[in-house]
N, C-alpha and C. Protein backbone atom coordinates (compact mmCIF):
# COMPACT_ATOMS: atom_id res chain seq x y z
N MET A 1 0.85 -1.21 0.01
CA MET A 1 -0.03 -0.01 0.02
C MET A 1 0.88 1.23 0.00
N THR A 2 0.56 2.21 -0.91
CA THR A 2 1.38 3.44 -0.96
C THR A 2 0.66 4.57 -0.31
N SER A 3 1.41 5.38 0.40
CA SER A 3 0.86 6.60 1.02
C SER A 3 0.40 7.58 0.01
N HIS A 4 -0.76 8.29 0.31
CA HIS A 4 -1.23 9.31 -0.56
C HIS A 4 -0.67 10.69 -0.19
N HIS A 5 0.13 10.70 0.89
CA HIS A 5 0.65 11.96 1.38
C HIS A 5 2.02 12.28 0.79
N ALA A 6 2.28 13.54 0.59
CA ALA A 6 3.58 13.95 -0.03
C ALA A 6 4.71 13.60 0.93
N GLU A 7 4.47 13.57 2.20
CA GLU A 7 5.44 13.22 3.17
C GLU A 7 5.17 11.85 3.80
N THR A 8 6.21 11.20 4.31
CA THR A 8 6.04 9.89 4.84
C THR A 8 5.98 9.91 6.44
N PRO A 9 4.97 9.34 7.03
CA PRO A 9 4.85 9.37 8.44
C PRO A 9 5.94 8.42 9.09
N VAL A 10 6.20 8.68 10.35
CA VAL A 10 7.14 7.90 11.10
C VAL A 10 6.43 7.06 12.15
N ALA A 11 6.84 5.77 12.28
CA ALA A 11 6.33 4.93 13.36
C ALA A 11 7.57 4.65 14.33
N TYR A 12 7.46 5.19 15.52
CA TYR A 12 8.50 4.90 16.58
C TYR A 12 7.96 3.68 17.28
N ILE A 13 8.68 2.53 17.18
CA ILE A 13 8.32 1.32 17.86
C ILE A 13 9.17 1.20 19.08
N THR A 14 8.58 1.52 20.23
CA THR A 14 9.31 1.54 21.48
C THR A 14 9.11 0.25 22.24
N LEU A 15 10.14 -0.51 22.49
CA LEU A 15 9.97 -1.86 23.01
C LEU A 15 10.99 -2.11 24.16
N GLY A 16 10.70 -3.16 24.94
CA GLY A 16 11.59 -3.54 26.02
C GLY A 16 10.86 -4.35 27.05
N GLY A 17 11.64 -5.06 27.90
CA GLY A 17 11.07 -5.86 28.88
C GLY A 17 10.32 -5.15 30.01
N ALA A 18 9.60 -5.87 30.87
CA ALA A 18 8.99 -5.27 32.00
C ALA A 18 9.93 -4.53 32.86
N GLY A 19 9.63 -3.31 33.27
CA GLY A 19 10.48 -2.54 34.12
C GLY A 19 11.63 -1.82 33.49
N SER A 20 11.73 -1.93 32.13
CA SER A 20 12.80 -1.25 31.48
C SER A 20 12.62 0.29 31.33
N GLY A 21 11.35 0.67 31.54
CA GLY A 21 11.01 2.07 31.37
C GLY A 21 10.63 2.47 30.00
N LYS A 22 10.21 1.49 29.20
CA LYS A 22 9.83 1.77 27.73
C LYS A 22 8.67 2.68 27.66
N SER A 23 7.68 2.55 28.59
CA SER A 23 6.50 3.43 28.48
C SER A 23 6.88 4.85 28.75
N THR A 24 7.77 5.08 29.71
CA THR A 24 8.15 6.43 30.02
C THR A 24 8.90 7.05 28.78
N VAL A 25 9.70 6.22 28.11
CA VAL A 25 10.40 6.69 26.91
C VAL A 25 9.38 6.91 25.75
N ALA A 26 8.40 6.00 25.57
CA ALA A 26 7.42 6.15 24.51
C ALA A 26 6.57 7.40 24.71
N ARG A 27 6.15 7.61 25.93
CA ARG A 27 5.30 8.81 26.20
C ARG A 27 6.10 10.09 25.93
N ARG A 28 7.42 10.06 26.30
CA ARG A 28 8.23 11.24 26.10
C ARG A 28 8.45 11.47 24.58
N ILE A 29 8.66 10.46 23.78
CA ILE A 29 8.77 10.64 22.35
C ILE A 29 7.51 11.20 21.79
N SER A 30 6.32 10.71 22.21
CA SER A 30 5.07 11.19 21.78
C SER A 30 4.91 12.69 22.16
N SER A 31 5.29 13.03 23.31
CA SER A 31 5.21 14.43 23.86
C SER A 31 6.07 15.34 22.95
N ILE A 32 7.27 14.92 22.63
CA ILE A 32 8.21 15.73 21.88
C ILE A 32 7.74 15.87 20.41
N THR A 33 7.29 14.84 19.78
CA THR A 33 7.01 14.82 18.42
C THR A 33 5.54 15.11 18.07
N GLY A 34 4.60 14.95 19.01
CA GLY A 34 3.22 15.05 18.74
C GLY A 34 2.63 13.80 18.07
N ALA A 35 3.40 12.74 17.96
CA ALA A 35 2.94 11.45 17.39
C ALA A 35 1.90 10.81 18.28
N ALA A 36 0.91 10.15 17.66
CA ALA A 36 -0.13 9.43 18.42
C ALA A 36 0.51 8.34 19.29
N TYR A 37 0.18 8.29 20.58
CA TYR A 37 0.71 7.32 21.49
C TYR A 37 -0.23 6.14 21.54
N LEU A 38 0.29 4.93 21.14
CA LEU A 38 -0.52 3.71 21.11
C LEU A 38 0.07 2.69 22.04
N ASP A 39 -0.57 2.48 23.15
CA ASP A 39 -0.10 1.52 24.12
C ASP A 39 -0.87 0.19 24.06
N LYS A 40 -0.16 -0.94 23.86
CA LYS A 40 -0.86 -2.21 23.69
C LYS A 40 -1.77 -2.51 24.87
N ASP A 41 -1.32 -2.27 26.08
CA ASP A 41 -2.15 -2.67 27.25
C ASP A 41 -3.42 -1.78 27.34
N THR A 42 -3.35 -0.53 26.91
CA THR A 42 -4.56 0.28 26.96
C THR A 42 -5.51 -0.09 25.87
N ILE A 43 -5.00 -0.46 24.70
CA ILE A 43 -5.86 -0.84 23.61
C ILE A 43 -6.54 -2.20 23.84
N SER A 44 -5.76 -3.19 24.37
CA SER A 44 -6.28 -4.54 24.43
C SER A 44 -6.38 -5.17 25.81
N GLY A 45 -5.74 -4.53 26.77
CA GLY A 45 -5.74 -5.12 28.11
C GLY A 45 -7.02 -5.53 28.68
N PRO A 46 -8.06 -4.70 28.77
CA PRO A 46 -9.33 -5.16 29.35
C PRO A 46 -9.97 -6.33 28.64
N PHE A 47 -9.81 -6.37 27.34
CA PHE A 47 -10.39 -7.53 26.62
C PHE A 47 -9.63 -8.81 26.90
N VAL A 48 -8.30 -8.72 27.04
CA VAL A 48 -7.48 -9.86 27.28
C VAL A 48 -7.76 -10.40 28.73
N GLU A 49 -7.94 -9.52 29.69
CA GLU A 49 -8.33 -9.94 31.03
C GLU A 49 -9.69 -10.64 31.01
N LEU A 50 -10.64 -10.09 30.32
CA LEU A 50 -11.94 -10.72 30.19
C LEU A 50 -11.86 -12.05 29.52
N ALA A 51 -11.09 -12.13 28.45
CA ALA A 51 -11.04 -13.41 27.72
C ALA A 51 -10.34 -14.49 28.61
N LEU A 52 -9.32 -14.10 29.34
CA LEU A 52 -8.62 -15.07 30.25
C LEU A 52 -9.59 -15.60 31.27
N GLY A 53 -10.41 -14.66 31.84
CA GLY A 53 -11.38 -15.07 32.84
C GLY A 53 -12.45 -16.00 32.33
N VAL A 54 -12.91 -15.71 31.12
CA VAL A 54 -13.97 -16.56 30.49
C VAL A 54 -13.40 -17.93 30.19
N LEU A 55 -12.15 -17.96 29.85
CA LEU A 55 -11.52 -19.19 29.53
C LEU A 55 -11.03 -19.97 30.72
N GLY A 56 -11.30 -19.42 31.98
CA GLY A 56 -10.94 -20.13 33.16
C GLY A 56 -9.54 -19.91 33.69
N HIS A 57 -8.90 -18.81 33.29
CA HIS A 57 -7.53 -18.53 33.70
C HIS A 57 -7.46 -17.27 34.56
N GLU A 58 -6.37 -17.19 35.37
CA GLU A 58 -6.13 -15.97 36.08
C GLU A 58 -5.86 -14.79 35.12
N ALA A 59 -6.48 -13.62 35.39
CA ALA A 59 -6.30 -12.49 34.48
C ALA A 59 -4.85 -11.99 34.47
N THR A 60 -4.08 -12.23 35.50
CA THR A 60 -2.75 -11.75 35.59
C THR A 60 -1.72 -12.81 35.06
N ASP A 61 -2.16 -13.96 34.71
CA ASP A 61 -1.26 -15.05 34.32
C ASP A 61 -1.03 -14.90 32.78
N ARG A 62 0.08 -14.34 32.43
CA ARG A 62 0.40 -14.05 31.05
C ARG A 62 1.50 -14.96 30.50
N GLU A 63 2.78 -14.58 30.76
CA GLU A 63 3.90 -15.25 30.11
C GLU A 63 3.94 -16.76 30.29
N SER A 64 3.45 -17.27 31.47
CA SER A 64 3.47 -18.72 31.68
C SER A 64 2.22 -19.43 31.21
N ASN A 65 1.33 -18.73 30.62
CA ASN A 65 0.03 -19.27 30.21
C ASN A 65 0.03 -19.49 28.70
N ASP A 66 -0.11 -20.71 28.30
CA ASP A 66 -0.02 -21.03 26.86
C ASP A 66 -1.22 -20.51 26.10
N THR A 67 -2.33 -20.41 26.76
CA THR A 67 -3.52 -19.81 26.09
C THR A 67 -3.29 -18.38 25.76
N TYR A 68 -2.71 -17.64 26.67
CA TYR A 68 -2.43 -16.23 26.39
C TYR A 68 -1.33 -16.13 25.32
N VAL A 69 -0.22 -16.85 25.48
CA VAL A 69 0.89 -16.73 24.56
C VAL A 69 0.51 -17.15 23.13
N SER A 70 -0.22 -18.25 22.98
CA SER A 70 -0.48 -18.72 21.67
C SER A 70 -1.80 -18.21 21.02
N ARG A 71 -2.78 -17.76 21.80
CA ARG A 71 -4.04 -17.37 21.24
C ARG A 71 -4.40 -15.85 21.46
N LEU A 72 -4.05 -15.28 22.54
CA LEU A 72 -4.49 -13.90 22.82
C LEU A 72 -3.37 -12.92 22.52
N MET A 73 -2.16 -13.20 22.81
CA MET A 73 -1.03 -12.25 22.60
C MET A 73 -0.97 -11.90 21.14
N PRO A 74 -0.98 -12.85 20.20
CA PRO A 74 -0.89 -12.50 18.77
C PRO A 74 -1.99 -11.53 18.36
N LEU A 75 -3.17 -11.66 18.95
CA LEU A 75 -4.33 -10.76 18.60
C LEU A 75 -4.11 -9.36 19.15
N GLU A 76 -3.45 -9.29 20.36
CA GLU A 76 -3.08 -7.99 20.89
C GLU A 76 -2.19 -7.19 19.92
N TYR A 77 -1.17 -7.88 19.47
CA TYR A 77 -0.15 -7.25 18.60
C TYR A 77 -0.75 -6.95 17.18
N ASP A 78 -1.65 -7.84 16.67
CA ASP A 78 -2.31 -7.56 15.43
C ASP A 78 -3.15 -6.32 15.54
N THR A 79 -3.87 -6.18 16.66
CA THR A 79 -4.69 -5.03 16.88
C THR A 79 -3.87 -3.73 16.97
N LEU A 80 -2.77 -3.84 17.69
CA LEU A 80 -1.83 -2.64 17.84
C LEU A 80 -1.38 -2.19 16.44
N PHE A 81 -0.93 -3.12 15.66
CA PHE A 81 -0.43 -2.76 14.29
C PHE A 81 -1.55 -2.24 13.40
N ALA A 82 -2.80 -2.78 13.57
CA ALA A 82 -3.87 -2.33 12.73
C ALA A 82 -4.29 -0.85 13.06
N VAL A 83 -4.33 -0.54 14.39
CA VAL A 83 -4.64 0.78 14.83
C VAL A 83 -3.56 1.72 14.35
N ALA A 84 -2.33 1.30 14.52
CA ALA A 84 -1.19 2.18 13.98
C ALA A 84 -1.35 2.39 12.50
N GLY A 85 -1.64 1.37 11.76
CA GLY A 85 -1.78 1.47 10.31
C GLY A 85 -2.82 2.47 9.87
N ARG A 86 -3.92 2.55 10.57
CA ARG A 86 -5.02 3.42 10.16
C ARG A 86 -4.63 4.87 10.48
N ASN A 87 -3.84 5.12 11.51
CA ASN A 87 -3.29 6.45 11.82
C ASN A 87 -2.32 6.83 10.72
N LEU A 88 -1.42 5.87 10.34
CA LEU A 88 -0.44 6.18 9.34
C LEU A 88 -1.11 6.42 7.99
N ASP A 89 -2.19 5.78 7.68
CA ASP A 89 -2.92 6.05 6.42
C ASP A 89 -3.30 7.52 6.32
N LEU A 90 -3.56 8.11 7.50
CA LEU A 90 -3.96 9.52 7.53
C LEU A 90 -2.74 10.50 7.60
N GLY A 91 -1.60 9.91 7.54
CA GLY A 91 -0.38 10.71 7.57
C GLY A 91 0.10 11.03 8.98
N HIS A 92 -0.50 10.43 9.96
CA HIS A 92 -0.13 10.79 11.34
C HIS A 92 1.03 9.93 11.82
N PRO A 93 2.10 10.48 12.38
CA PRO A 93 3.15 9.65 12.99
C PRO A 93 2.59 8.97 14.24
N VAL A 94 3.18 7.83 14.61
CA VAL A 94 2.72 7.09 15.72
C VAL A 94 3.86 6.61 16.60
N VAL A 95 3.58 6.39 17.90
CA VAL A 95 4.51 5.77 18.81
C VAL A 95 3.83 4.48 19.35
N LEU A 96 4.45 3.28 19.08
CA LEU A 96 3.93 2.08 19.58
C LEU A 96 4.65 1.71 20.91
N ASP A 97 3.87 1.35 21.94
CA ASP A 97 4.45 1.01 23.21
C ASP A 97 4.07 -0.43 23.60
N ALA A 98 4.99 -1.36 23.50
CA ALA A 98 4.69 -2.77 23.80
C ALA A 98 6.05 -3.49 24.02
N PRO A 99 6.00 -4.59 24.76
CA PRO A 99 7.26 -5.32 25.06
C PRO A 99 7.88 -5.92 23.83
N PHE A 100 7.10 -6.64 23.05
CA PHE A 100 7.62 -7.37 21.87
C PHE A 100 8.61 -8.47 22.20
N VAL A 101 8.86 -8.81 23.46
CA VAL A 101 9.93 -9.71 23.78
C VAL A 101 9.84 -11.09 23.13
N ALA A 102 8.60 -11.53 22.93
CA ALA A 102 8.40 -12.87 22.27
C ALA A 102 8.85 -12.89 20.83
N TYR A 103 8.99 -11.74 20.23
CA TYR A 103 9.20 -11.62 18.81
C TYR A 103 10.59 -11.04 18.45
N LEU A 104 11.38 -10.70 19.40
CA LEU A 104 12.63 -9.99 19.07
C LEU A 104 13.61 -10.78 18.32
N SER A 105 13.62 -12.08 18.48
CA SER A 105 14.62 -12.93 17.84
C SER A 105 14.27 -13.30 16.39
N ASP A 106 13.13 -12.93 15.96
CA ASP A 106 12.60 -13.28 14.59
C ASP A 106 12.90 -12.13 13.66
N PRO A 107 13.93 -12.28 12.80
CA PRO A 107 14.33 -11.10 11.89
C PRO A 107 13.15 -10.59 11.01
N ASP A 108 12.29 -11.52 10.59
CA ASP A 108 11.23 -11.15 9.66
C ASP A 108 9.89 -10.74 10.32
N TYR A 109 9.87 -10.75 11.70
CA TYR A 109 8.55 -10.46 12.34
C TYR A 109 8.00 -9.13 11.97
N LEU A 110 8.79 -8.10 12.08
CA LEU A 110 8.26 -6.74 11.87
C LEU A 110 7.72 -6.55 10.43
N GLN A 111 8.45 -7.08 9.45
CA GLN A 111 7.96 -6.96 8.09
C GLN A 111 6.65 -7.68 7.92
N ARG A 112 6.52 -8.88 8.46
CA ARG A 112 5.24 -9.63 8.40
C ARG A 112 4.12 -8.89 9.04
N ALA A 113 4.40 -8.30 10.23
CA ALA A 113 3.36 -7.55 10.95
C ALA A 113 2.82 -6.39 10.22
N ILE A 114 3.77 -5.60 9.62
CA ILE A 114 3.29 -4.39 8.93
C ILE A 114 2.59 -4.71 7.62
N ASP A 115 3.04 -5.83 7.00
CA ASP A 115 2.42 -6.28 5.78
C ASP A 115 0.94 -6.71 6.09
N ALA A 116 0.81 -7.49 7.17
CA ALA A 116 -0.53 -7.98 7.57
C ALA A 116 -1.48 -6.85 7.91
N ALA A 117 -0.89 -5.78 8.47
CA ALA A 117 -1.73 -4.64 8.87
C ALA A 117 -1.92 -3.62 7.78
N ALA A 118 -1.28 -3.91 6.59
CA ALA A 118 -1.39 -3.01 5.40
C ALA A 118 -0.96 -1.61 5.67
N TRP A 119 0.23 -1.46 6.31
CA TRP A 119 0.72 -0.12 6.56
C TRP A 119 1.08 0.50 5.28
N PRO A 120 0.89 1.86 5.15
CA PRO A 120 1.40 2.61 4.01
C PRO A 120 2.88 2.73 4.16
N GLU A 121 3.50 3.44 3.12
CA GLU A 121 4.93 3.68 3.19
C GLU A 121 5.23 4.45 4.48
N THR A 122 6.14 3.91 5.30
CA THR A 122 6.39 4.42 6.64
C THR A 122 7.88 4.37 6.98
N HIS A 123 8.36 5.39 7.59
CA HIS A 123 9.73 5.38 8.17
C HIS A 123 9.58 4.72 9.53
N ILE A 124 10.36 3.64 9.78
CA ILE A 124 10.28 2.92 11.03
C ILE A 124 11.53 3.16 11.87
N VAL A 125 11.29 3.59 13.09
CA VAL A 125 12.35 3.80 14.09
C VAL A 125 12.07 2.89 15.23
N VAL A 126 13.00 1.96 15.47
CA VAL A 126 12.89 0.93 16.61
C VAL A 126 13.70 1.47 17.74
N VAL A 127 13.12 1.72 18.88
CA VAL A 127 13.84 2.16 20.06
C VAL A 127 13.74 1.05 21.09
N HIS A 128 14.87 0.32 21.27
CA HIS A 128 14.89 -0.81 22.25
C HIS A 128 15.35 -0.24 23.59
N VAL A 129 14.46 -0.20 24.58
CA VAL A 129 14.80 0.35 25.84
C VAL A 129 15.24 -0.78 26.78
N THR A 130 16.39 -0.51 27.43
CA THR A 130 16.94 -1.52 28.41
C THR A 130 17.32 -0.77 29.64
N ALA A 131 17.58 -1.57 30.71
CA ALA A 131 18.04 -1.01 31.97
C ALA A 131 18.78 -2.12 32.71
N SER A 132 19.48 -1.69 33.74
CA SER A 132 20.25 -2.70 34.55
C SER A 132 19.34 -3.56 35.38
N ALA A 133 19.81 -4.69 35.75
CA ALA A 133 19.04 -5.65 36.58
C ALA A 133 18.48 -4.98 37.81
N ASP A 134 19.29 -4.20 38.48
CA ASP A 134 18.88 -3.55 39.73
C ASP A 134 17.74 -2.51 39.45
N ALA A 135 17.91 -1.73 38.42
CA ALA A 135 16.86 -0.74 38.09
C ALA A 135 15.55 -1.45 37.70
N VAL A 136 15.62 -2.50 36.90
CA VAL A 136 14.36 -3.22 36.52
C VAL A 136 13.72 -3.79 37.74
N LYS A 137 14.44 -4.47 38.57
CA LYS A 137 13.83 -5.12 39.72
C LYS A 137 13.21 -4.12 40.67
N GLN A 138 13.86 -3.00 40.88
CA GLN A 138 13.28 -2.02 41.76
C GLN A 138 12.00 -1.38 41.22
N ARG A 139 12.00 -1.20 39.90
CA ARG A 139 10.79 -0.67 39.26
C ARG A 139 9.60 -1.63 39.37
N LEU A 140 9.87 -2.93 39.22
CA LEU A 140 8.80 -3.92 39.36
C LEU A 140 8.29 -3.94 40.80
N ILE A 141 9.19 -3.84 41.78
CA ILE A 141 8.74 -3.76 43.14
C ILE A 141 7.89 -2.52 43.40
N ASP A 142 8.40 -1.38 42.93
CA ASP A 142 7.70 -0.13 43.21
C ASP A 142 6.32 -0.09 42.58
N ARG A 143 6.14 -0.64 41.35
CA ARG A 143 4.86 -0.49 40.69
C ARG A 143 3.83 -1.45 41.25
N GLY A 144 4.28 -2.55 41.85
CA GLY A 144 3.42 -3.45 42.58
C GLY A 144 2.29 -4.10 41.83
N LEU A 145 2.47 -4.41 40.56
CA LEU A 145 1.45 -5.12 39.82
C LEU A 145 1.44 -6.58 40.06
N ALA A 146 0.25 -7.14 40.12
CA ALA A 146 0.07 -8.58 40.40
C ALA A 146 0.76 -9.43 39.32
N ARG A 147 0.79 -8.99 38.08
CA ARG A 147 1.41 -9.76 37.03
C ARG A 147 2.96 -9.86 37.16
N ASP A 148 3.52 -9.02 38.02
CA ASP A 148 5.01 -9.04 38.21
C ASP A 148 5.42 -9.98 39.30
N HIS A 149 4.43 -10.56 40.09
CA HIS A 149 4.76 -11.36 41.21
C HIS A 149 5.64 -12.60 40.79
N VAL A 150 5.29 -13.24 39.70
CA VAL A 150 6.04 -14.39 39.24
C VAL A 150 7.43 -14.03 38.88
N LYS A 151 7.60 -12.87 38.23
CA LYS A 151 8.92 -12.42 37.78
C LYS A 151 9.78 -12.20 38.99
N LEU A 152 9.31 -11.49 39.98
CA LEU A 152 10.05 -11.22 41.21
C LEU A 152 10.28 -12.44 42.00
N GLY A 153 9.38 -13.39 42.03
CA GLY A 153 9.54 -14.58 42.79
C GLY A 153 10.59 -15.49 42.24
N GLU A 154 10.78 -15.43 40.95
CA GLU A 154 11.79 -16.28 40.23
C GLU A 154 12.80 -15.30 39.51
N TRP A 155 13.29 -14.33 40.24
CA TRP A 155 14.01 -13.26 39.59
C TRP A 155 15.24 -13.70 38.80
N GLU A 156 16.04 -14.55 39.41
CA GLU A 156 17.28 -14.93 38.67
C GLU A 156 16.99 -15.63 37.41
N ASN A 157 15.97 -16.49 37.41
CA ASN A 157 15.56 -17.20 36.23
C ASN A 157 14.98 -16.22 35.19
N TYR A 158 14.13 -15.29 35.67
CA TYR A 158 13.48 -14.34 34.74
C TYR A 158 14.61 -13.45 34.08
N TRP A 159 15.53 -12.94 34.89
CA TRP A 159 16.48 -12.03 34.35
C TRP A 159 17.46 -12.74 33.33
N SER A 160 17.83 -13.99 33.69
CA SER A 160 18.72 -14.69 32.77
C SER A 160 18.08 -14.97 31.49
N GLN A 161 16.73 -15.10 31.44
CA GLN A 161 16.01 -15.35 30.21
C GLN A 161 15.70 -14.08 29.43
N PHE A 162 15.33 -13.01 30.16
CA PHE A 162 14.86 -11.83 29.41
C PHE A 162 15.77 -10.61 29.51
N GLY A 163 16.75 -10.65 30.41
CA GLY A 163 17.60 -9.47 30.65
C GLY A 163 18.58 -9.16 29.55
N SER A 164 18.87 -10.11 28.70
CA SER A 164 19.89 -9.85 27.65
C SER A 164 19.30 -9.91 26.24
N LEU A 165 18.00 -9.91 26.09
CA LEU A 165 17.38 -9.94 24.76
C LEU A 165 17.77 -8.77 23.96
N ARG A 166 18.00 -9.00 22.62
CA ARG A 166 18.28 -7.90 21.70
C ARG A 166 17.39 -8.08 20.47
N CYS A 167 17.02 -7.00 19.93
CA CYS A 167 16.11 -7.01 18.81
C CYS A 167 16.86 -7.41 17.52
N GLN A 168 16.35 -8.40 16.78
CA GLN A 168 16.98 -8.89 15.58
C GLN A 168 16.23 -8.56 14.31
N TRP A 169 15.30 -7.65 14.40
CA TRP A 169 14.49 -7.35 13.19
C TRP A 169 15.30 -6.76 12.09
N SER A 170 14.97 -7.16 10.88
CA SER A 170 15.81 -6.83 9.72
C SER A 170 15.53 -5.48 9.07
N ILE A 171 14.46 -4.84 9.46
CA ILE A 171 14.08 -3.56 8.86
C ILE A 171 13.97 -2.48 9.95
N GLY A 172 14.03 -1.23 9.53
CA GLY A 172 13.88 -0.08 10.43
C GLY A 172 15.26 0.45 10.91
N GLN A 173 15.22 1.66 11.36
CA GLN A 173 16.38 2.28 11.95
C GLN A 173 16.38 1.99 13.43
N HIS A 174 17.40 1.35 13.94
CA HIS A 174 17.44 0.86 15.34
C HIS A 174 18.30 1.68 16.28
N HIS A 175 17.72 1.90 17.46
CA HIS A 175 18.46 2.56 18.52
C HIS A 175 18.35 1.86 19.83
N LEU A 176 19.48 1.68 20.55
CA LEU A 176 19.42 1.10 21.86
C LEU A 176 19.48 2.17 22.86
N PHE A 177 18.50 2.27 23.78
CA PHE A 177 18.39 3.33 24.72
C PHE A 177 18.46 2.75 26.21
N VAL A 178 19.49 3.07 26.86
CA VAL A 178 19.64 2.61 28.27
C VAL A 178 18.99 3.59 29.22
N ASN A 179 18.06 3.12 30.00
CA ASN A 179 17.24 3.96 30.79
C ASN A 179 17.31 3.52 32.28
N ASP A 180 18.40 3.85 32.87
CA ASP A 180 18.63 3.42 34.25
C ASP A 180 18.13 4.38 35.32
N ASP A 181 17.98 5.74 34.96
CA ASP A 181 17.54 6.69 35.92
C ASP A 181 16.99 7.91 35.17
N ALA A 182 16.53 8.91 35.98
CA ALA A 182 15.87 10.08 35.40
C ALA A 182 16.81 10.86 34.50
N GLN A 183 18.12 10.81 34.80
CA GLN A 183 19.14 11.51 34.02
C GLN A 183 19.19 10.90 32.58
N SER A 184 18.93 9.62 32.47
CA SER A 184 19.00 9.02 31.16
C SER A 184 17.98 9.57 30.22
N LEU A 185 16.86 9.99 30.81
CA LEU A 185 15.73 10.46 29.94
C LEU A 185 16.04 11.73 29.20
N LEU A 186 17.05 12.43 29.67
CA LEU A 186 17.45 13.65 28.97
C LEU A 186 17.98 13.35 27.55
N GLY A 187 18.35 12.07 27.35
CA GLY A 187 18.87 11.72 26.04
C GLY A 187 17.79 11.46 24.98
N ILE A 188 16.50 11.43 25.37
CA ILE A 188 15.42 11.09 24.41
C ILE A 188 15.30 12.22 23.37
N GLU A 189 15.38 13.45 23.81
CA GLU A 189 15.26 14.57 22.85
C GLU A 189 16.41 14.52 21.84
N HIS A 190 17.63 14.23 22.28
CA HIS A 190 18.72 14.04 21.39
C HIS A 190 18.47 12.94 20.41
N LEU A 191 17.91 11.83 20.84
CA LEU A 191 17.67 10.70 19.98
C LEU A 191 16.66 11.13 18.89
N VAL A 192 15.55 11.84 19.30
CA VAL A 192 14.61 12.24 18.27
C VAL A 192 15.15 13.25 17.28
N ARG A 193 15.91 14.17 17.78
CA ARG A 193 16.56 15.12 16.83
C ARG A 193 17.44 14.41 15.83
N ARG A 194 18.24 13.51 16.38
CA ARG A 194 19.20 12.80 15.46
C ARG A 194 18.40 11.93 14.45
N THR A 195 17.32 11.32 14.90
CA THR A 195 16.49 10.52 14.03
C THR A 195 15.85 11.35 12.91
N THR A 196 15.35 12.50 13.35
CA THR A 196 14.71 13.42 12.35
C THR A 196 15.62 13.80 11.26
N ARG A 197 16.87 14.04 11.56
CA ARG A 197 17.85 14.46 10.57
C ARG A 197 18.17 13.39 9.52
N THR A 198 17.85 12.13 9.83
CA THR A 198 18.20 11.05 8.89
C THR A 198 17.02 10.48 8.15
N LEU A 199 15.82 11.08 8.29
CA LEU A 199 14.64 10.58 7.65
C LEU A 199 14.18 11.52 6.62
N PRO A 200 14.27 11.17 5.26
CA PRO A 200 13.88 12.05 4.19
C PRO A 200 12.42 12.22 4.09
N GLY A 201 11.90 13.48 4.08
CA GLY A 201 10.52 13.75 3.88
C GLY A 201 9.62 13.16 4.95
N ALA A 202 10.12 13.08 6.17
CA ALA A 202 9.38 12.39 7.23
C ALA A 202 8.45 13.36 7.95
N VAL A 203 7.24 12.82 8.31
CA VAL A 203 6.31 13.53 9.15
C VAL A 203 6.63 13.05 10.58
N THR A 204 7.33 13.89 11.35
CA THR A 204 7.77 13.49 12.72
C THR A 204 7.29 14.46 13.75
N GLY A 205 6.81 15.59 13.37
CA GLY A 205 6.45 16.65 14.37
C GLY A 205 7.57 17.66 14.57
N TRP A 206 8.73 17.33 14.00
CA TRP A 206 9.91 18.23 14.09
C TRP A 206 10.20 18.81 12.71
N LYS A 207 10.75 20.03 12.72
CA LYS A 207 11.20 20.68 11.53
C LYS A 207 12.70 20.67 11.40
N GLY A 208 13.23 20.39 10.25
CA GLY A 208 14.72 20.37 10.18
C GLY A 208 15.15 19.61 8.96
N PRO A 209 16.45 19.62 8.66
CA PRO A 209 16.99 18.85 7.52
C PRO A 209 16.76 17.39 7.65
N ALA A 210 16.58 16.69 6.61
CA ALA A 210 16.41 15.26 6.59
C ALA A 210 17.20 14.65 5.49
N GLU A 211 17.89 13.60 5.82
CA GLU A 211 18.69 12.92 4.79
C GLU A 211 19.01 11.52 5.20
N GLY A 212 19.11 10.66 4.16
CA GLY A 212 19.86 9.44 4.39
C GLY A 212 19.19 8.16 4.73
N ALA A 213 18.11 8.01 5.49
CA ALA A 213 17.72 6.74 5.95
C ALA A 213 16.76 6.08 4.92
N ARG A 214 16.79 4.78 4.91
CA ARG A 214 15.83 4.07 3.97
C ARG A 214 14.55 3.86 4.71
N SER A 215 13.42 3.75 4.00
CA SER A 215 12.11 3.56 4.56
C SER A 215 11.89 2.15 4.93
N ALA A 216 10.69 1.92 5.59
CA ALA A 216 10.40 0.52 5.96
C ALA A 216 10.45 -0.49 4.88
N ARG A 217 9.91 -0.13 3.75
CA ARG A 217 9.82 -1.07 2.67
C ARG A 217 11.10 -1.42 2.04
N ASN A 218 12.12 -0.55 2.27
CA ASN A 218 13.40 -0.76 1.70
C ASN A 218 14.52 -1.25 2.67
N GLY A 219 14.07 -1.69 3.84
CA GLY A 219 14.99 -2.11 4.80
C GLY A 219 15.44 -0.96 5.66
N GLY A 220 16.57 -1.10 6.34
CA GLY A 220 17.02 -0.04 7.27
C GLY A 220 18.38 -0.36 7.84
N GLN A 221 18.81 0.41 8.80
CA GLN A 221 20.13 0.20 9.36
C GLN A 221 20.02 0.15 10.92
N LYS A 222 20.90 -0.59 11.47
CA LYS A 222 20.92 -0.77 12.94
C LYS A 222 21.98 0.12 13.55
N GLU A 223 21.63 0.65 14.71
CA GLU A 223 22.54 1.47 15.42
C GLU A 223 22.61 0.91 16.85
N GLY A 224 23.80 0.97 17.47
CA GLY A 224 23.96 0.52 18.87
C GLY A 224 24.00 -0.96 18.97
């Protein structure tokens, strides 16, 4: 599908494990750029909890629940990409906020997802948010969500499995953002400015020179 707009919208895909601070980063990018903020849990969370309950499962049982992982989680991401796609059709830049941890090792996942959602021509910027083990653990404790109890109860196992994940997607412009404290967040504006300069004809919410990056359909480059 080809965009009918003279300029190409940007999709900032902000991802990372629980407690990495990805939502803080995603909201900040949205605030800076004016891009629509699309949070997977806000869009699909209530329906997922209802479905789990109807199917006889605990609403907070996610990663260890095969029903969620194999049947509900794919629908969550399909819906997120579909909502993003309809905004992009209108020329609006978007910020996606979701963990994506189950899909990071699949190089072709992102291309399949945007094809299935019929995205128009789009500049894709992938921001992988990470943090130290101590920072992540403290954030999970502080936020006190029931769905984090299993992670904290089996912390060493959880961190060994998810703490070192890296995004292997083959398209998009990639940035690794370390978010250990409030001081780290000062780097988000620099990241957005630097990204804007490398996207030709991009609708980002920023004004300035643009050069050099390839769009989603033509692949991309990884940084960090």
